[in-house]
Amino acid sequence: MAWSNETYLIGERVRVEGEKGWGVITRIDFDRGLIYVLFKRMREEAYPYPEAIEQGSLKPDVQKR
């Protein structure tokens, strides 16, 4: 997989609507249209990509690249 503009999100902290704590984006599956977020206690959830970011249910805390 080649690095693209969207892969800068991998490893960034993210605030998820309806969750108490922060999560970390672990991977983005472009073929299936999913973004995976890892929470405490090794719980990983999948969200639709890019709809979840556009609608505001995922709010990345992106540091300057």
Protein backbone atom coordinates (compact mmCIF):
# COMPACT_ATOMS: atom_id res chain seq x y z
CA MET A 1 0.00 0.00 0.00
CA ALA A 2 1.38 3.39 -0.95
CA TRP A 3 1.22 6.26 1.51
CA SER A 4 -1.41 8.80 0.59
CA ASN A 5 -2.88 11.94 2.07
CA GLU A 6 -5.33 9.98 4.25
CA THR A 7 -2.74 7.79 5.96
CA TYR A 8 -1.46 10.64 8.14
CA LEU A 9 -4.43 9.82 10.42
CA ILE A 10 -2.95 6.45 11.41
CA GLY A 11 -1.57 6.65 14.94
CA GLU A 12 -3.44 9.84 15.82
CA ARG A 13 -5.70 10.22 18.83
CA VAL A 14 -9.39 10.54 18.11
CA ARG A 15 -12.45 11.50 20.14
CA VAL A 16 -15.45 9.30 19.31
CA GLU A 17 -19.00 10.47 19.86
CA GLY A 18 -20.64 8.40 22.61
CA GLU A 19 -17.34 7.16 24.13
CA LYS A 20 -15.80 8.42 27.36
CA GLY A 21 -12.10 8.28 26.53
CA TRP A 22 -9.77 8.77 23.62
CA GLY A 23 -9.05 6.19 20.95
CA VAL A 24 -6.21 5.71 18.48
CA ILE A 25 -6.69 5.16 14.75
CA THR A 26 -4.94 1.90 13.91
CA ARG A 27 -5.71 1.36 10.23
CA ILE A 28 -7.84 2.50 7.31
CA ASP A 29 -9.34 -0.07 4.94
CA PHE A 30 -10.03 1.80 1.71
CA ASP A 31 -11.52 -1.22 -0.09
CA ARG A 32 -14.23 -1.80 2.54
CA GLY A 33 -14.58 1.85 3.51
CA LEU A 34 -13.75 1.35 7.20
CA ILE A 35 -11.57 3.11 9.74
CA TYR A 36 -10.50 1.18 12.85
CA VAL A 37 -10.15 2.78 16.28
CA LEU A 38 -8.43 1.08 19.23
CA PHE A 39 -9.68 1.91 22.74
CA LYS A 40 -8.49 0.95 26.20
CA ARG A 41 -8.35 -2.73 27.05
CA MET A 42 -7.57 -3.56 23.41
CA ARG A 43 -11.13 -3.03 22.16
CA GLU A 44 -11.16 -2.19 18.45
CA GLU A 45 -14.19 -0.74 16.68
CA ALA A 46 -14.78 -0.14 12.97
CA TYR A 47 -16.49 3.00 11.65
CA PRO A 48 -17.50 3.94 8.09
CA TYR A 49 -14.82 5.92 6.30
CA PRO A 50 -14.91 8.84 5.38
CA GLU A 51 -18.51 9.41 6.50
CA ALA A 52 -17.68 9.17 10.22
CA ILE A 53 -15.12 11.98 9.97
CA GLU A 54 -17.27 14.17 7.70
CA GLN A 55 -20.34 13.85 9.96
CA GLY A 56 -18.31 14.61 13.09
CA SER A 57 -18.76 11.34 14.97
CA LEU A 58 -14.94 10.92 14.82
CA LYS A 59 -12.92 13.99 15.75
CA PRO A 60 -9.18 13.46 15.18
CA ASP A 61 -6.71 15.37 17.32
CA VAL A 62 -4.20 15.84 14.48
CA GLN A 63 -0.84 17.38 15.23
CA LYS A 64 0.75 19.48 12.51
CA ARG A 65 2.34 17.31 9.85
